[in-house]
N, C-alpha and C. Protein backbone atom coordinates (compact mmCIF):
# COMPACT_ATOMS: atom_id res chain seq x y z
N UNK A 1 0.90 -1.21 -0.05
CA UNK A 1 -0.01 0.01 0.02
C UNK A 1 0.93 1.17 -0.08
N UNK A 2 0.47 2.26 -0.62
CA UNK A 2 1.17 3.54 -0.80
C UNK A 2 0.95 4.42 0.44
N UNK A 3 2.02 4.92 1.07
CA UNK A 3 1.87 5.80 2.22
C UNK A 3 1.63 7.19 1.79
N UNK A 4 1.19 8.05 2.72
CA UNK A 4 0.99 9.45 2.45
C UNK A 4 2.26 10.21 2.10
N UNK A 5 3.39 9.74 2.74
CA UNK A 5 4.68 10.26 2.38
C UNK A 5 5.02 10.10 0.96
N UNK A 6 4.79 8.93 0.45
CA UNK A 6 5.14 8.56 -0.94
C UNK A 6 4.22 9.41 -1.91
N UNK A 7 2.99 9.59 -1.58
CA UNK A 7 2.02 10.33 -2.45
C UNK A 7 2.45 11.79 -2.48
N UNK A 8 2.73 12.34 -1.31
CA UNK A 8 3.10 13.81 -1.24
C UNK A 8 4.54 14.15 -1.56
N UNK A 9 5.37 13.19 -1.74
CA UNK A 9 6.77 13.41 -1.97
C UNK A 9 6.98 13.99 -3.48
N UNK A 10 7.91 14.87 -3.62
CA UNK A 10 8.18 15.43 -4.94
C UNK A 10 8.74 14.30 -5.83
N UNK A 11 8.45 14.35 -7.15
CA UNK A 11 8.92 13.38 -8.06
C UNK A 11 10.52 13.38 -8.11
N UNK A 12 11.02 12.24 -8.38
CA UNK A 12 12.56 12.16 -8.44
C UNK A 12 13.01 12.92 -9.70
N UNK A 13 14.21 13.57 -9.59
CA UNK A 13 14.68 14.30 -10.73
C UNK A 13 15.13 13.34 -11.84
N UNK A 14 14.71 13.63 -13.09
CA UNK A 14 15.00 12.78 -14.17
C UNK A 14 16.23 13.20 -15.02
N UNK A 15 17.00 14.15 -14.54
CA UNK A 15 18.22 14.56 -15.19
C UNK A 15 18.08 15.90 -15.91
N UNK A 16 17.72 15.90 -17.19
CA UNK A 16 17.59 17.12 -17.97
C UNK A 16 16.31 17.86 -18.00
N UNK A 17 15.34 17.37 -17.15
CA UNK A 17 14.11 18.06 -17.11
C UNK A 17 12.97 17.22 -17.79
N UNK A 18 11.95 17.90 -18.19
CA UNK A 18 10.85 17.29 -18.73
C UNK A 18 11.08 16.62 -20.12
N UNK A 19 10.32 15.76 -20.55
CA UNK A 19 10.43 15.14 -21.87
C UNK A 19 10.27 16.10 -22.96
N UNK A 20 11.13 16.23 -23.94
CA UNK A 20 11.01 17.21 -24.98
C UNK A 20 9.83 16.84 -25.92
N UNK A 21 9.35 15.60 -25.90
CA UNK A 21 8.30 15.23 -26.78
C UNK A 21 6.97 15.75 -26.30
N UNK A 22 6.88 16.38 -25.15
CA UNK A 22 5.68 16.95 -24.59
C UNK A 22 5.12 17.94 -25.53
N UNK A 23 5.95 18.73 -26.19
CA UNK A 23 5.50 19.79 -27.00
C UNK A 23 4.85 19.19 -28.33
N UNK A 24 5.42 18.12 -28.89
CA UNK A 24 4.84 17.42 -29.97
C UNK A 24 3.53 16.80 -29.64
N UNK A 25 3.44 16.23 -28.51
CA UNK A 25 2.23 15.75 -27.98
C UNK A 25 1.12 16.79 -27.90
N UNK A 26 1.46 17.95 -27.26
CA UNK A 26 0.50 19.04 -27.18
C UNK A 26 0.09 19.49 -28.62
N UNK A 27 0.91 19.61 -29.56
CA UNK A 27 0.57 20.11 -30.85
C UNK A 27 -0.44 19.09 -31.50
N UNK A 28 -0.07 17.79 -31.39
CA UNK A 28 -0.95 16.77 -31.97
C UNK A 28 -2.34 16.83 -31.35
N UNK A 29 -2.40 16.95 -29.97
CA UNK A 29 -3.68 17.01 -29.35
C UNK A 29 -4.51 18.22 -29.82
N UNK A 30 -3.83 19.40 -29.91
CA UNK A 30 -4.52 20.58 -30.29
C UNK A 30 -5.03 20.55 -31.73
N UNK A 31 -4.19 19.92 -32.66
CA UNK A 31 -4.63 19.73 -34.04
C UNK A 31 -5.81 18.75 -34.13
N UNK A 32 -5.77 17.70 -33.30
CA UNK A 32 -6.95 16.81 -33.34
C UNK A 32 -8.26 17.49 -32.78
N UNK A 33 -8.11 18.31 -31.75
CA UNK A 33 -9.24 19.00 -31.32
C UNK A 33 -9.80 20.06 -32.32
N UNK A 34 -8.85 20.68 -33.02
CA UNK A 34 -9.31 21.68 -34.07
C UNK A 34 -9.98 20.96 -35.22
N UNK A 35 -9.43 19.77 -35.65
CA UNK A 35 -10.06 18.99 -36.68
C UNK A 35 -11.43 18.58 -36.32
N UNK A 36 -11.64 18.20 -35.11
CA UNK A 36 -12.97 17.77 -34.60
C UNK A 36 -13.95 18.97 -34.65
N UNK A 37 -13.43 20.08 -34.21
CA UNK A 37 -14.34 21.29 -34.20
C UNK A 37 -14.61 21.64 -35.66
N UNK A 38 -13.70 21.57 -36.57
CA UNK A 38 -13.94 21.90 -37.92
C UNK A 38 -14.92 20.98 -38.53
N UNK A 39 -14.80 19.69 -38.27
CA UNK A 39 -15.81 18.67 -38.85
C UNK A 39 -17.19 18.84 -38.34
N UNK A 40 -17.30 19.14 -36.97
CA UNK A 40 -18.65 19.34 -36.49
C UNK A 40 -19.27 20.61 -37.11
N UNK A 41 -18.50 21.72 -37.30
CA UNK A 41 -18.91 22.94 -37.84
C UNK A 41 -19.38 22.82 -39.25
N UNK A 42 -18.63 21.98 -40.03
CA UNK A 42 -19.00 21.74 -41.49
C UNK A 42 -20.33 21.08 -41.55
N UNK A 43 -20.43 19.96 -40.77
CA UNK A 43 -21.67 19.13 -40.74
C UNK A 43 -22.83 20.04 -40.32
N UNK A 44 -22.69 20.89 -39.23
CA UNK A 44 -23.81 21.65 -38.80
C UNK A 44 -24.24 22.71 -39.88
N UNK A 45 -23.31 23.20 -40.61
CA UNK A 45 -23.59 24.17 -41.74
C UNK A 45 -24.38 23.43 -42.88
N UNK A 46 -24.07 22.20 -43.01
CA UNK A 46 -24.68 21.39 -44.08
C UNK A 46 -26.01 20.82 -43.76
N UNK A 47 -26.64 21.07 -42.59
CA UNK A 47 -27.89 20.51 -42.15
C UNK A 47 -28.95 20.75 -43.11
N UNK A 48 -29.18 21.97 -43.68
CA UNK A 48 -30.27 22.15 -44.63
C UNK A 48 -30.17 21.26 -45.85
N UNK A 49 -28.94 21.19 -46.34
CA UNK A 49 -28.63 20.38 -47.54
C UNK A 49 -28.96 18.90 -47.25
N UNK A 50 -28.52 18.39 -46.10
CA UNK A 50 -28.75 17.02 -45.72
C UNK A 50 -30.16 16.80 -45.63
N UNK A 51 -31.02 17.71 -44.98
CA UNK A 51 -32.48 17.50 -44.89
C UNK A 51 -33.07 17.48 -46.32
N UNK A 52 -32.63 18.33 -47.17
CA UNK A 52 -33.26 18.50 -48.48
C UNK A 52 -32.92 17.15 -49.37
N UNK A 53 -31.62 16.82 -49.33
CA UNK A 53 -31.20 15.65 -50.21
C UNK A 53 -31.69 14.36 -49.71
N UNK A 54 -31.84 14.15 -48.41
CA UNK A 54 -32.26 12.87 -47.88
C UNK A 54 -33.76 12.86 -47.53
N UNK A 55 -34.45 14.04 -47.81
CA UNK A 55 -35.87 14.10 -47.50
C UNK A 55 -36.13 13.69 -45.95
N UNK A 56 -35.34 14.18 -45.15
CA UNK A 56 -35.38 13.80 -43.68
C UNK A 56 -35.95 14.98 -42.86
N UNK A 57 -36.57 14.61 -41.78
CA UNK A 57 -37.11 15.70 -40.92
C UNK A 57 -35.96 16.26 -40.08
N UNK A 58 -36.22 17.34 -39.34
CA UNK A 58 -35.10 17.96 -38.51
C UNK A 58 -34.81 16.99 -37.42
N UNK A 59 -35.83 16.27 -36.87
CA UNK A 59 -35.55 15.32 -35.76
C UNK A 59 -34.63 14.18 -36.27
N UNK A 60 -34.82 13.69 -37.46
CA UNK A 60 -34.03 12.66 -37.98
C UNK A 60 -32.57 13.09 -38.15
N UNK A 61 -32.40 14.29 -38.68
CA UNK A 61 -31.05 14.84 -38.84
C UNK A 61 -30.34 15.10 -37.47
N UNK A 62 -31.21 15.59 -36.60
CA UNK A 62 -30.70 15.93 -35.30
C UNK A 62 -30.20 14.56 -34.50
N UNK A 63 -30.96 13.59 -34.69
CA UNK A 63 -30.59 12.22 -34.06
C UNK A 63 -29.24 11.80 -34.67
N UNK A 64 -29.13 11.82 -36.11
CA UNK A 64 -27.96 11.40 -36.68
C UNK A 64 -26.70 12.18 -36.25
N UNK A 65 -26.91 13.52 -36.14
CA UNK A 65 -25.78 14.33 -35.79
C UNK A 65 -25.35 14.13 -34.34
N UNK A 66 -26.33 13.90 -33.43
CA UNK A 66 -26.04 13.53 -32.13
C UNK A 66 -25.22 12.25 -31.95
N UNK A 67 -25.52 11.32 -32.82
CA UNK A 67 -24.80 10.05 -32.83
C UNK A 67 -23.38 10.32 -33.27
N UNK A 68 -23.26 11.14 -34.41
CA UNK A 68 -21.95 11.51 -34.94
C UNK A 68 -21.10 12.14 -33.90
N UNK A 69 -21.70 13.09 -33.21
CA UNK A 69 -20.87 13.93 -32.25
C UNK A 69 -20.45 13.02 -31.02
N UNK A 70 -21.41 12.06 -30.71
CA UNK A 70 -21.05 11.16 -29.60
C UNK A 70 -19.86 10.27 -30.00
N UNK A 71 -19.76 9.86 -31.20
CA UNK A 71 -18.73 8.97 -31.60
C UNK A 71 -17.41 9.76 -31.69
N UNK A 72 -17.44 11.08 -31.96
CA UNK A 72 -16.21 11.95 -32.09
C UNK A 72 -15.68 12.33 -30.84
N UNK A 73 -16.47 12.20 -29.72
CA UNK A 73 -15.87 12.73 -28.42
C UNK A 73 -14.87 11.86 -27.83
N UNK A 74 -13.94 12.41 -27.18
CA UNK A 74 -12.89 11.50 -26.56
C UNK A 74 -13.45 10.81 -25.36
N UNK A 75 -12.84 9.78 -24.96
CA UNK A 75 -13.27 9.09 -23.70
C UNK A 75 -13.53 7.55 -24.01
N UNK A 76 -13.87 6.79 -23.05
CA UNK A 76 -14.04 5.36 -23.13
C UNK A 76 -15.32 5.09 -23.93
N UNK A 77 -15.34 3.98 -24.62
CA UNK A 77 -16.47 3.53 -25.34
C UNK A 77 -17.35 2.71 -24.38
N UNK A 78 -18.46 3.32 -23.94
CA UNK A 78 -19.31 2.75 -22.91
C UNK A 78 -20.14 1.55 -23.50
N UNK A 79 -20.14 1.37 -24.75
CA UNK A 79 -20.95 0.21 -25.32
C UNK A 79 -20.23 -1.05 -25.10
N UNK A 80 -18.89 -1.03 -24.90
CA UNK A 80 -18.02 -2.32 -24.74
C UNK A 80 -17.71 -2.39 -23.33
N UNK A 81 -18.64 -2.87 -22.52
CA UNK A 81 -18.39 -3.03 -21.04
C UNK A 81 -18.06 -4.51 -20.75
N UNK A 82 -17.12 -4.64 -19.79
CA UNK A 82 -16.79 -6.05 -19.36
C UNK A 82 -18.00 -6.74 -18.78
N UNK A 83 -18.09 -7.91 -19.18
CA UNK A 83 -19.24 -8.70 -18.61
C UNK A 83 -18.80 -9.78 -17.56
């Protein structure tokens, strides 16, 4: 079991500081978030065309877009739960 002293202790020095790849990781995450925002924005602008071309009601399009947005969000996939 971990003691309070171990939890509250400062991390051990790793030599030259933080990992230099942290900036690359940050850039990749920011680009991914931007691409997600761009995709959602394009789809939302296209809603009238989607309704017209597919002859769908607003509720149908809203349901499909909610499903799309749910799949694009980060996080665990709750449909695959351990049994």
